Amino acid sequence: MQYDIDIKSVYKNLFLDVRNLVLLNPNITETKKERITTYADKNGSICHLRTTSKGVDIGFLKGIHLEDRPSLLHGKGKLVRVLSLKGYHEVVLLYYIHQAIEINNKKS
């Protein structure tokens, strides 16, 4: 399971810090899948999280709709945008996480 790999990674602490920040919202649930750990609320999936060889990636599943003032998101998919982290930056993470939750709560 990917979660087991993530918590054994050299980026374990960063992974757990980001995970804990996402889970501060009591409406968010975590699902540990074979290839990724996902986070959702009653309206559906919000993001996924995993370690990489260079840090931690948090993929915002409706990331195309996020305002990206810091210009830190990347990806060319139809919806997903990824924030690649090498360090813990709570203000930046909260900027994106709060937006992702708000977007997920809007009626499509």
PDB file of N, CA and C in Angstrom:
ATOM      1  N   MET A   1       0.836  -1.170   0.000  1.00  0.00           N
ATOM      2  CA  MET A   1       0.000   0.000   0.000  1.00  0.00           C
ATOM      3  C   MET A   1       0.890   1.247   0.000  1.00  0.00           C
ATOM      4  N   GLN A   2       0.513   2.260  -0.766  1.00  0.00           N
ATOM      5  CA  GLN A   2       1.331   3.459  -0.909  1.00  0.00           C
ATOM      6  C   GLN A   2       1.550   4.169   0.428  1.00  0.00           C
ATOM      7  N   TYR A   3       0.545   4.206   1.268  1.00  0.00           N
ATOM      8  CA  TYR A   3       0.692   4.864   2.574  1.00  0.00           C
ATOM      9  C   TYR A   3       1.865   4.262   3.350  1.00  0.00           C
ATOM     10  N   ASP A   4       1.983   2.952   3.320  1.00  0.00           N
ATOM     11  CA  ASP A   4       3.075   2.280   4.023  1.00  0.00           C
ATOM     12  C   ASP A   4       4.431   2.690   3.457  1.00  0.00           C
ATOM     13  N   ILE A   5       4.495   2.872   2.154  1.00  0.00           N
ATOM     14  CA  ILE A   5       5.725   3.342   1.507  1.00  0.00           C
ATOM     15  C   ILE A   5       6.009   4.781   1.927  1.00  0.00           C
ATOM     16  N   ASP A   6       4.958   5.605   1.944  1.00  0.00           N
ATOM     17  CA  ASP A   6       5.112   7.019   2.299  1.00  0.00           C
ATOM     18  C   ASP A   6       5.659   7.211   3.707  1.00  0.00           C
ATOM     19  N   ILE A   7       5.184   6.411   4.653  1.00  0.00           N
ATOM     20  CA  ILE A   7       5.639   6.608   6.031  1.00  0.00           C
ATOM     21  C   ILE A   7       6.999   5.958   6.318  1.00  0.00           C
ATOM     22  N   LYS A   8       7.553   5.319   5.306  1.00  0.00           N
ATOM     23  CA  LYS A   8       8.923   4.789   5.423  1.00  0.00           C
ATOM     24  C   LYS A   8       9.907   5.611   4.587  1.00  0.00           C
ATOM     25  N   SER A   9       9.390   6.578   3.858  1.00  0.00           N
ATOM     26  CA  SER A   9      10.194   7.406   2.972  1.00  0.00           C
ATOM     27  C   SER A   9      11.092   8.358   3.765  1.00  0.00           C
ATOM     28  N   VAL A  10      12.144   8.844   3.117  1.00  0.00           N
ATOM     29  CA  VAL A  10      12.976   9.886   3.736  1.00  0.00           C
ATOM     30  C   VAL A  10      12.161  11.176   3.931  1.00  0.00           C
ATOM     31  N   TYR A  11      11.040  11.273   3.217  1.00  0.00           N
ATOM     32  CA  TYR A  11      10.151  12.435   3.336  1.00  0.00           C
ATOM     33  C   TYR A  11       8.947  12.147   4.229  1.00  0.00           C
ATOM     34  N   LYS A  12       9.081  11.152   5.088  1.00  0.00           N
ATOM     35  CA  LYS A  12       8.014  10.744   6.002  1.00  0.00           C
ATOM     36  C   LYS A  12       7.468  11.924   6.810  1.00  0.00           C
ATOM     37  N   ASN A  13       8.349  12.712   7.420  1.00  0.00           N
ATOM     38  CA  ASN A  13       7.893  13.813   8.272  1.00  0.00           C
ATOM     39  C   ASN A  13       7.119  14.858   7.488  1.00  0.00           C
ATOM     40  N   LEU A  14       7.585  15.175   6.297  1.00  0.00           N
ATOM     41  CA  LEU A  14       6.877  16.125   5.450  1.00  0.00           C
ATOM     42  C   LEU A  14       5.512  15.560   5.062  1.00  0.00           C
ATOM     43  N   PHE A  15       5.478  14.307   4.665  1.00  0.00           N
ATOM     44  CA  PHE A  15       4.223  13.643   4.323  1.00  0.00           C
ATOM     45  C   PHE A  15       3.241  13.719   5.487  1.00  0.00           C
ATOM     46  N   LEU A  16       3.693  13.376   6.684  1.00  0.00           N
ATOM     47  CA  LEU A  16       2.809  13.371   7.850  1.00  0.00           C
ATOM     48  C   LEU A  16       2.366  14.779   8.236  1.00  0.00           C
ATOM     49  N   ASP A  17       3.242  15.771   8.082  1.00  0.00           N
ATOM     50  CA  ASP A  17       2.861  17.159   8.371  1.00  0.00           C
ATOM     51  C   ASP A  17       1.759  17.631   7.428  1.00  0.00           C
ATOM     52  N   VAL A  18       1.910  17.348   6.145  1.00  0.00           N
ATOM     53  CA  VAL A  18       0.888  17.742   5.165  1.00  0.00           C
ATOM     54  C   VAL A  18      -0.401  16.984   5.429  1.00  0.00           C
ATOM     55  N   ARG A  19      -0.292  15.699   5.667  1.00  0.00           N
ATOM     56  CA  ARG A  19      -1.463  14.863   5.974  1.00  0.00           C
ATOM     57  C   ARG A  19      -2.235  15.437   7.152  1.00  0.00           C
ATOM     58  N   ASN A  20      -1.516  15.756   8.233  1.00  0.00           N
ATOM     59  CA  ASN A  20      -2.163  16.291   9.428  1.00  0.00           C
ATOM     60  C   ASN A  20      -2.839  17.627   9.158  1.00  0.00           C
ATOM     61  N   LEU A  21      -2.251  18.447   8.318  1.00  0.00           N
ATOM     62  CA  LEU A  21      -2.845  19.736   7.973  1.00  0.00           C
ATOM     63  C   LEU A  21      -4.156  19.530   7.207  1.00  0.00           C
ATOM     64  N   VAL A  22      -4.157  18.607   6.264  1.00  0.00           N
ATOM     65  CA  VAL A  22      -5.381  18.312   5.516  1.00  0.00           C
ATOM     66  C   VAL A  22      -6.455  17.789   6.460  1.00  0.00           C
ATOM     67  N   LEU A  23      -6.064  16.923   7.373  1.00  0.00           N
ATOM     68  CA  LEU A  23      -7.032  16.288   8.269  1.00  0.00           C
ATOM     69  C   LEU A  23      -7.480  17.172   9.434  1.00  0.00           C
ATOM     70  N   LEU A  24      -6.959  18.399   9.521  1.00  0.00           N
ATOM     71  CA  LEU A  24      -7.459  19.335  10.529  1.00  0.00           C
ATOM     72  C   LEU A  24      -8.937  19.640  10.307  1.00  0.00           C
ATOM     73  N   ASN A  25      -9.360  19.589   9.060  1.00  0.00           N
ATOM     74  CA  ASN A  25     -10.776  19.797   8.748  1.00  0.00           C
ATOM     75  C   ASN A  25     -11.523  18.524   9.139  1.00  0.00           C
ATOM     76  N   PRO A  26     -12.467  18.613  10.095  1.00  0.00           N
ATOM     77  CA  PRO A  26     -13.155  17.419  10.579  1.00  0.00           C
ATOM     78  C   PRO A  26     -14.050  16.737   9.540  1.00  0.00           C
ATOM     79  N   ASN A  27     -14.329  17.423   8.444  1.00  0.00           N
ATOM     80  CA  ASN A  27     -15.178  16.851   7.396  1.00  0.00           C
ATOM     81  C   ASN A  27     -14.397  16.049   6.361  1.00  0.00           C
ATOM     82  N   ILE A  28     -13.079  16.053   6.477  1.00  0.00           N
ATOM     83  CA  ILE A  28     -12.225  15.357   5.515  1.00  0.00           C
ATOM     84  C   ILE A  28     -11.956  13.933   6.008  1.00  0.00           C
ATOM     85  N   THR A  29     -12.093  12.984   5.096  1.00  0.00           N
ATOM     86  CA  THR A  29     -11.761  11.596   5.409  1.00  0.00           C
ATOM     87  C   THR A  29     -10.595  11.152   4.537  1.00  0.00           C
ATOM     88  N   GLU A  30      -9.834  10.238   5.065  1.00  0.00           N
ATOM     89  CA  GLU A  30      -8.657   9.711   4.378  1.00  0.00           C
ATOM     90  C   GLU A  30      -8.950   8.288   3.904  1.00  0.00           C
ATOM     91  N   THR A  31      -8.540   7.996   2.674  1.00  0.00           N
ATOM     92  CA  THR A  31      -8.665   6.636   2.144  1.00  0.00           C
ATOM     93  C   THR A  31      -7.297   6.201   1.659  1.00  0.00           C
ATOM     94  N   LYS A  32      -6.791   5.124   2.233  1.00  0.00           N
ATOM     95  CA  LYS A  32      -5.484   4.590   1.854  1.00  0.00           C
ATOM     96  C   LYS A  32      -5.704   3.561   0.755  1.00  0.00           C
ATOM     97  N   LYS A  33      -5.231   3.895  -0.440  1.00  0.00           N
ATOM     98  CA  LYS A  33      -5.385   3.017  -1.593  1.00  0.00           C
ATOM     99  C   LYS A  33      -4.039   2.384  -1.947  1.00  0.00           C
ATOM    100  N   GLU A  34      -4.085   1.432  -2.822  1.00  0.00           N
ATOM    101  CA  GLU A  34      -2.878   0.716  -3.219  1.00  0.00           C
ATOM    102  C   GLU A  34      -1.794   1.661  -3.745  1.00  0.00           C
ATOM    103  N   ARG A  35      -2.195   2.647  -4.567  1.00  0.00           N
ATOM    104  CA  ARG A  35      -1.196   3.496  -5.225  1.00  0.00           C
ATOM    105  C   ARG A  35      -1.150   4.933  -4.730  1.00  0.00           C
ATOM    106  N   ILE A  36      -2.105   5.327  -3.869  1.00  0.00           N
ATOM    107  CA  ILE A  36      -2.160   6.721  -3.425  1.00  0.00           C
ATOM    108  C   ILE A  36      -3.064   6.843  -2.207  1.00  0.00           C
ATOM    109  N   THR A  37      -2.874   7.896  -1.447  1.00  0.00           N
ATOM    110  CA  THR A  37      -3.754   8.194  -0.318  1.00  0.00           C
ATOM    111  C   THR A  37      -4.600   9.396  -0.710  1.00  0.00           C
ATOM    112  N   THR A  38      -5.922   9.257  -0.587  1.00  0.00           N
ATOM    113  CA  THR A  38      -6.820  10.314  -1.030  1.00  0.00           C
ATOM    114  C   THR A  38      -7.581  10.928   0.136  1.00  0.00           C
ATOM    115  N   TYR A  39      -8.057  12.146  -0.090  1.00  0.00           N
ATOM    116  CA  TYR A  39      -8.792  12.900   0.919  1.00  0.00           C
ATOM    117  C   TYR A  39     -10.058  13.448   0.278  1.00  0.00           C
ATOM    118  N   ALA A  40     -11.173  13.265   0.979  1.00  0.00           N
ATOM    119  CA  ALA A  40     -12.471  13.659   0.430  1.00  0.00           C
ATOM    120  C   ALA A  40     -13.375  14.160   1.543  1.00  0.00           C
ATOM    121  N   ASP A  41     -14.456  14.810   1.126  1.00  0.00           N
ATOM    122  CA  ASP A  41     -15.524  15.153   2.054  1.00  0.00           C
ATOM    123  C   ASP A  41     -16.826  14.610   1.472  1.00  0.00           C
ATOM    124  N   LYS A  42     -17.946  15.007   2.020  1.00  0.00           N
ATOM    125  CA  LYS A  42     -19.231  14.468   1.576  1.00  0.00           C
ATOM    126  C   LYS A  42     -19.532  14.782   0.114  1.00  0.00           C
ATOM    127  N   ASN A  43     -18.846  15.759  -0.453  1.00  0.00           N
ATOM    128  CA  ASN A  43     -19.073  16.147  -1.845  1.00  0.00           C
ATOM    129  C   ASN A  43     -18.121  15.483  -2.833  1.00  0.00           C
ATOM    130  N   GLY A  44     -17.219  14.650  -2.322  1.00  0.00           N
ATOM    131  CA  GLY A  44     -16.303  13.940  -3.205  1.00  0.00           C
ATOM    132  C   GLY A  44     -14.844  14.203  -2.896  1.00  0.00           C
ATOM    133  N   SER A  45     -13.987  13.722  -3.778  1.00  0.00           N
ATOM    134  CA  SER A  45     -12.539  13.812  -3.595  1.00  0.00           C
ATOM    135  C   SER A  45     -12.036  15.232  -3.726  1.00  0.00           C
ATOM    136  N   ILE A  46     -11.037  15.552  -2.905  1.00  0.00           N
ATOM    137  CA  ILE A  46     -10.445  16.888  -2.895  1.00  0.00           C
ATOM    138  C   ILE A  46      -8.997  16.844  -3.376  1.00  0.00           C
ATOM    139  N   CYS A  47      -8.218  15.912  -2.799  1.00  0.00           N
ATOM    140  CA  CYS A  47      -6.801  15.841  -3.162  1.00  0.00           C
ATOM    141  C   CYS A  47      -6.257  14.451  -2.871  1.00  0.00           C
ATOM    142  N   HIS A  48      -5.055  14.225  -3.346  1.00  0.00           N
ATOM    143  CA  HIS A  48      -4.338  13.003  -3.005  1.00  0.00           C
ATOM    144  C   HIS A  48      -2.916  13.390  -2.607  1.00  0.00           C
ATOM    145  N   LEU A  49      -2.247  12.476  -1.924  1.00  0.00           N
ATOM    146  CA  LEU A  49      -0.940  12.773  -1.357  1.00  0.00           C
ATOM    147  C   LEU A  49      -0.049  11.556  -1.479  1.00  0.00           C
ATOM    148  N   ARG A  50       1.226  11.802  -1.846  1.00  0.00           N
ATOM    149  CA  ARG A  50       2.196  10.703  -1.892  1.00  0.00           C
ATOM    150  C   ARG A  50       3.610  11.268  -1.898  1.00  0.00           C
ATOM    151  N   THR A  51       4.534  10.443  -1.446  1.00  0.00           N
ATOM    152  CA  THR A  51       5.936  10.831  -1.486  1.00  0.00           C
ATOM    153  C   THR A  51       6.494  10.510  -2.874  1.00  0.00           C
ATOM    154  N   THR A  52       7.537  11.231  -3.232  1.00  0.00           N
ATOM    155  CA  THR A  52       8.256  10.984  -4.480  1.00  0.00           C
ATOM    156  C   THR A  52       9.742  10.921  -4.147  1.00  0.00           C
ATOM    157  N   SER A  53      10.565  10.734  -5.141  1.00  0.00           N
ATOM    158  CA  SER A  53      12.014  10.704  -4.906  1.00  0.00           C
ATOM    159  C   SER A  53      12.566  12.088  -4.557  1.00  0.00           C
ATOM    160  N   LYS A  54      11.754  13.145  -4.777  1.00  0.00           N
ATOM    161  CA  LYS A  54      12.211  14.514  -4.537  1.00  0.00           C
ATOM    162  C   LYS A  54      11.447  15.233  -3.431  1.00  0.00           C
ATOM    163  N   GLY A  55      10.442  14.583  -2.843  1.00  0.00           N
ATOM    164  CA  GLY A  55       9.658  15.244  -1.804  1.00  0.00           C
ATOM    165  C   GLY A  55       8.271  14.633  -1.700  1.00  0.00           C
ATOM    166  N   VAL A  56       7.281  15.511  -1.600  1.00  0.00           N
ATOM    167  CA  VAL A  56       5.886  15.097  -1.477  1.00  0.00           C
ATOM    168  C   VAL A  56       5.061  15.847  -2.506  1.00  0.00           C
ATOM    169  N   ASP A  57       4.171  15.130  -3.162  1.00  0.00           N
ATOM    170  CA  ASP A  57       3.232  15.742  -4.108  1.00  0.00           C
ATOM    171  C   ASP A  57       1.841  15.695  -3.519  1.00  0.00           C
ATOM    172  N   ILE A  58       1.164  16.850  -3.573  1.00  0.00           N
ATOM    173  CA  ILE A  58      -0.245  16.907  -3.232  1.00  0.00           C
ATOM    174  C   ILE A  58      -0.979  17.294  -4.518  1.00  0.00           C
ATOM    175  N   GLY A  59      -1.813  16.388  -4.975  1.00  0.00           N
ATOM    176  CA  GLY A  59      -2.549  16.603  -6.217  1.00  0.00           C
ATOM    177  C   GLY A  59      -3.963  17.068  -5.914  1.00  0.00           C
ATOM    178  N   PHE A  60      -4.315  18.226  -6.424  1.00  0.00           N
ATOM    179  CA  PHE A  60      -5.654  18.771  -6.221  1.00  0.00           C
ATOM    180  C   PHE A  60      -6.524  18.332  -7.394  1.00  0.00           C
ATOM    181  N   LEU A  61      -7.563  17.560  -7.084  1.00  0.00           N
ATOM    182  CA  LEU A  61      -8.333  16.888  -8.114  1.00  0.00           C
ATOM    183  C   LEU A  61      -9.176  17.831  -8.964  1.00  0.00           C
ATOM    184  N   LYS A  62      -9.440  19.022  -8.470  1.00  0.00           N
ATOM    185  CA  LYS A  62     -10.106  20.065  -9.262  1.00  0.00           C
ATOM    186  C   LYS A  62      -9.184  21.275  -9.360  1.00  0.00           C
ATOM    187  N   GLY A  63      -7.903  20.983  -9.435  1.00  0.00           N
ATOM    188  CA  GLY A  63      -6.865  22.001  -9.393  1.00  0.00           C
ATOM    189  C   GLY A  63      -6.912  23.027 -10.505  1.00  0.00           C
ATOM    190  N   ILE A  64      -7.495  22.676 -11.629  1.00  0.00           N
ATOM    191  CA  ILE A  64      -7.612  23.622 -12.741  1.00  0.00           C
ATOM    192  C   ILE A  64      -8.389  24.868 -12.316  1.00  0.00           C
ATOM    193  N   HIS A  65      -9.230  24.723 -11.295  1.00  0.00           N
ATOM    194  CA  HIS A  65     -10.072  25.822 -10.827  1.00  0.00           C
ATOM    195  C   HIS A  65      -9.442  26.628  -9.694  1.00  0.00           C
ATOM    196  N   LEU A  66      -8.283  26.209  -9.205  1.00  0.00           N
ATOM    197  CA  LEU A  66      -7.623  26.930  -8.114  1.00  0.00           C
ATOM    198  C   LEU A  66      -6.971  28.201  -8.621  1.00  0.00           C
ATOM    199  N   GLU A  67      -7.060  29.242  -7.815  1.00  0.00           N
ATOM    200  CA  GLU A  67      -6.302  30.448  -8.096  1.00  0.00           C
ATOM    201  C   GLU A  67      -4.866  30.147  -7.683  1.00  0.00           C
ATOM    202  N   ASP A  68      -3.927  30.388  -8.562  1.00  0.00           N
ATOM    203  CA  ASP A  68      -2.538  30.002  -8.313  1.00  0.00           C
ATOM    204  C   ASP A  68      -1.630  31.231  -8.285  1.00  0.00           C
ATOM    205  N   ARG A  69      -1.892  32.151  -7.352  1.00  0.00           N
ATOM    206  CA  ARG A  69      -1.086  33.374  -7.251  1.00  0.00           C
ATOM    207  C   ARG A  69       0.404  33.099  -7.081  1.00  0.00           C
ATOM    208  N   PRO A  70       0.785  32.102  -6.260  1.00  0.00           N
ATOM    209  CA  PRO A  70       2.227  31.831  -6.117  1.00  0.00           C
ATOM    210  C   PRO A  70       2.846  31.114  -7.314  1.00  0.00           C
ATOM    211  N   SER A  71       2.017  30.671  -8.263  1.00  0.00           N
ATOM    212  CA  SER A  71       2.480  29.951  -9.459  1.00  0.00           C
ATOM    213  C   SER A  71       3.303  28.712  -9.102  1.00  0.00           C
ATOM    214  N   LEU A  72       2.770  27.899  -8.199  1.00  0.00           N
ATOM    215  CA  LEU A  72       3.475  26.704  -7.753  1.00  0.00           C
ATOM    216  C   LEU A  72       2.865  25.407  -8.270  1.00  0.00           C
ATOM    217  N   LEU A  73       1.684  25.485  -8.853  1.00  0.00           N
ATOM    218  CA  LEU A  73       1.024  24.280  -9.336  1.00  0.00           C
ATOM    219  C   LEU A  73       1.539  23.900 -10.714  1.00  0.00           C
ATOM    220  N   HIS A  74       1.571  22.594 -10.978  1.00  0.00           N
ATOM    221  CA  HIS A  74       1.950  22.138 -12.307  1.00  0.00           C
ATOM    222  C   HIS A  74       1.064  20.976 -12.712  1.00  0.00           C
ATOM    223  N   GLY A  75       1.071  20.678 -13.979  1.00  0.00           N
ATOM    224  CA  GLY A  75       0.280  19.582 -14.523  1.00  0.00           C
ATOM    225  C   GLY A  75      -0.434  20.025 -15.780  1.00  0.00           C
ATOM    226  N   LYS A  76      -0.693  19.064 -16.641  1.00  0.00           N
ATOM    227  CA  LYS A  76      -1.344  19.363 -17.914  1.00  0.00           C
ATOM    228  C   LYS A  76      -2.617  18.564 -18.118  1.00  0.00           C
ATOM    229  N   GLY A  77      -3.083  17.908 -17.057  1.00  0.00           N
ATOM    230  CA  GLY A  77      -4.316  17.133 -17.147  1.00  0.00           C
ATOM    231  C   GLY A  77      -5.527  18.046 -17.284  1.00  0.00           C
ATOM    232  N   LYS A  78      -6.667  17.445 -17.543  1.00  0.00           N
ATOM    233  CA  LYS A  78      -7.892  18.226 -17.712  1.00  0.00           C
ATOM    234  C   LYS A  78      -8.312  18.929 -16.431  1.00  0.00           C
ATOM    235  N   LEU A  79      -8.070  18.308 -15.273  1.00  0.00           N
ATOM    236  CA  LEU A  79      -8.513  18.887 -14.002  1.00  0.00           C
ATOM    237  C   LEU A  79      -7.437  18.973 -12.924  1.00  0.00           C
ATOM    238  N   VAL A  80      -6.610  17.957 -12.807  1.00  0.00           N
ATOM    239  CA  VAL A  80      -5.667  17.849 -11.692  1.00  0.00           C
ATOM    240  C   VAL A  80      -4.479  18.799 -11.857  1.00  0.00           C
ATOM    241  N   ARG A  81      -4.123  19.438 -10.732  1.00  0.00           N
ATOM    242  CA  ARG A  81      -2.895  20.217 -10.653  1.00  0.00           C
ATOM    243  C   ARG A  81      -2.157  19.759  -9.402  1.00  0.00           C
ATOM    244  N   VAL A  82      -0.838  19.743  -9.486  1.00  0.00           N
ATOM    245  CA  VAL A  82      -0.007  19.173  -8.428  1.00  0.00           C
ATOM    246  C   VAL A  82       0.876  20.249  -7.809  1.00  0.00           C
ATOM    247  N   LEU A  83       0.991  20.180  -6.491  1.00  0.00           N
ATOM    248  CA  LEU A  83       1.916  21.020  -5.750  1.00  0.00           C
ATOM    249  C   LEU A  83       3.022  20.098  -5.248  1.00  0.00           C
ATOM    250  N   SER A  84       4.237  20.301  -5.748  1.00  0.00           N
ATOM    251  CA  SER A  84       5.382  19.479  -5.342  1.00  0.00           C
ATOM    252  C   SER A  84       6.117  20.197  -4.223  1.00  0.00           C
ATOM    253  N   LEU A  85       6.320  19.485  -3.132  1.00  0.00           N
ATOM    254  CA  LEU A  85       6.915  20.084  -1.939  1.00  0.00           C
ATOM    255  C   LEU A  85       8.243  19.433  -1.578  1.00  0.00           C
ATOM    256  N   LYS A  86       9.179  20.280  -1.176  1.00  0.00           N
ATOM    257  CA  LYS A  86      10.439  19.791  -0.623  1.00  0.00           C
ATOM    258  C   LYS A  86      10.543  20.196   0.846  1.00  0.00           C
ATOM    259  N   GLY A  87       9.630  21.076   1.257  1.00  0.00           N
ATOM    260  CA  GLY A  87       9.585  21.539   2.634  1.00  0.00           C
ATOM    261  C   GLY A  87       8.163  21.886   3.013  1.00  0.00           C
ATOM    262  N   TYR A  88       7.963  22.095   4.303  1.00  0.00           N
ATOM    263  CA  TYR A  88       6.631  22.370   4.841  1.00  0.00           C
ATOM    264  C   TYR A  88       6.409  23.873   4.897  1.00  0.00           C
ATOM    265  N   HIS A  89       5.400  24.340   4.171  1.00  0.00           N
ATOM    266  CA  HIS A  89       5.056  25.760   4.121  1.00  0.00           C
ATOM    267  C   HIS A  89       3.561  25.885   4.410  1.00  0.00           C
ATOM    268  N   GLU A  90       3.227  25.977   5.699  1.00  0.00           N
ATOM    269  CA  GLU A  90       1.826  25.919   6.118  1.00  0.00           C
ATOM    270  C   GLU A  90       0.950  26.963   5.441  1.00  0.00           C
ATOM    271  N   VAL A  91       1.420  28.200   5.330  1.00  0.00           N
ATOM    272  CA  VAL A  91       0.613  29.264   4.726  1.00  0.00           C
ATOM    273  C   VAL A  91       0.279  28.923   3.271  1.00  0.00           C
ATOM    274  N   VAL A  92       1.266  28.449   2.529  1.00  0.00           N
ATOM    275  CA  VAL A  92       1.054  28.085   1.126  1.00  0.00           C
ATOM    276  C   VAL A  92       0.095  26.901   1.025  1.00  0.00           C
ATOM    277  N   LEU A  93       0.310  25.902   1.851  1.00  0.00           N
ATOM    278  CA  LEU A  93      -0.559  24.725   1.828  1.00  0.00           C
ATOM    279  C   LEU A  93      -2.005  25.098   2.155  1.00  0.00           C
ATOM    280  N   LEU A  94      -2.196  25.900   3.188  1.00  0.00           N
ATOM    281  CA  LEU A  94      -3.555  26.302   3.555  1.00  0.00           C
ATOM    282  C   LEU A  94      -4.217  27.117   2.446  1.00  0.00           C
ATOM    283  N   TYR A  95      -3.442  27.935   1.766  1.00  0.00           N
ATOM    284  CA  TYR A  95      -3.961  28.726   0.632  1.00  0.00           C
ATOM    285  C   TYR A  95      -4.619  27.804  -0.393  1.00  0.00           C
ATOM    286  N   TYR A  96      -3.940  26.743  -0.757  1.00  0.00           N
ATOM    287  CA  TYR A  96      -4.470  25.813  -1.752  1.00  0.00           C
ATOM    288  C   TYR A  96      -5.538  24.881  -1.171  1.00  0.00           C
ATOM    289  N   ILE A  97      -5.307  24.363   0.023  1.00  0.00           N
ATOM    290  CA  ILE A  97      -6.249  23.412   0.621  1.00  0.00           C
ATOM    291  C   ILE A  97      -7.616  24.065   0.840  1.00  0.00           C
ATOM    292  N   HIS A  98      -7.638  25.279   1.382  1.00  0.00           N
ATOM    293  CA  HIS A  98      -8.923  25.947   1.617  1.00  0.00           C
ATOM    294  C   HIS A  98      -9.678  26.183   0.311  1.00  0.00           C
ATOM    295  N   GLN A  99      -8.954  26.589  -0.705  1.00  0.00           N
ATOM    296  CA  GLN A  99      -9.602  26.771  -2.016  1.00  0.00           C
ATOM    297  C   GLN A  99     -10.170  25.463  -2.543  1.00  0.00           C
ATOM    298  N   ALA A 100      -9.383  24.401  -2.431  1.00  0.00           N
ATOM    299  CA  ALA A 100      -9.816  23.099  -2.948  1.00  0.00           C
ATOM    300  C   ALA A 100     -11.087  22.627  -2.241  1.00  0.00           C
ATOM    301  N   ILE A 101     -11.182  22.842  -0.949  1.00  0.00           N
ATOM    302  CA  ILE A 101     -12.380  22.458  -0.200  1.00  0.00           C
ATOM    303  C   ILE A 101     -13.566  23.316  -0.635  1.00  0.00           C
ATOM    304  N   GLU A 102     -13.357  24.611  -0.789  1.00  0.00           N
ATOM    305  CA  GLU A 102     -14.439  25.496  -1.231  1.00  0.00           C
ATOM    306  C   GLU A 102     -14.943  25.107  -2.617  1.00  0.00           C
ATOM    307  N   ILE A 103     -14.032  24.851  -3.528  1.00  0.00           N
ATOM    308  CA  ILE A 103     -14.420  24.450  -4.885  1.00  0.00           C
ATOM    309  C   ILE A 103     -15.201  23.146  -4.862  1.00  0.00           C
ATOM    310  N   ASN A 104     -14.780  22.211  -4.027  1.00  0.00           N
ATOM    311  CA  ASN A 104     -15.453  20.929  -3.934  1.00  0.00           C
ATOM    312  C   ASN A 104     -16.871  21.093  -3.384  1.00  0.00           C
ATOM    313  N   ASN A 105     -17.086  22.105  -2.570  1.00  0.00           N
ATOM    314  CA  ASN A 105     -18.395  22.323  -1.966  1.00  0.00           C
ATOM    315  C   ASN A 105     -19.365  23.105  -2.840  1.00  0.00           C
ATOM    316  N   LYS A 106     -18.864  23.672  -3.932  1.00  0.00           N
ATOM    317  CA  LYS A 106     -19.748  24.393  -4.858  1.00  0.00           C
ATOM    318  C   LYS A 106     -20.498  23.389  -5.715  1.00  0.00           C
ATOM    319  N   LYS A 107     -21.729  23.698  -5.998  1.00  0.00           N
ATOM    320  CA  LYS A 107     -22.519  22.831  -6.884  1.00  0.00           C
ATOM    321  C   LYS A 107     -22.009  22.984  -8.312  1.00  0.00           C
ATOM    322  N   SER A 108     -21.823  21.859  -8.986  1.00  0.00           N
ATOM    323  CA  SER A 108     -21.322  21.893 -10.363  1.00  0.00           C
ATOM    324  C   SER A 108     -22.457  22.156 -11.322  1.00  0.00           C
TER     325      SER A 108
END
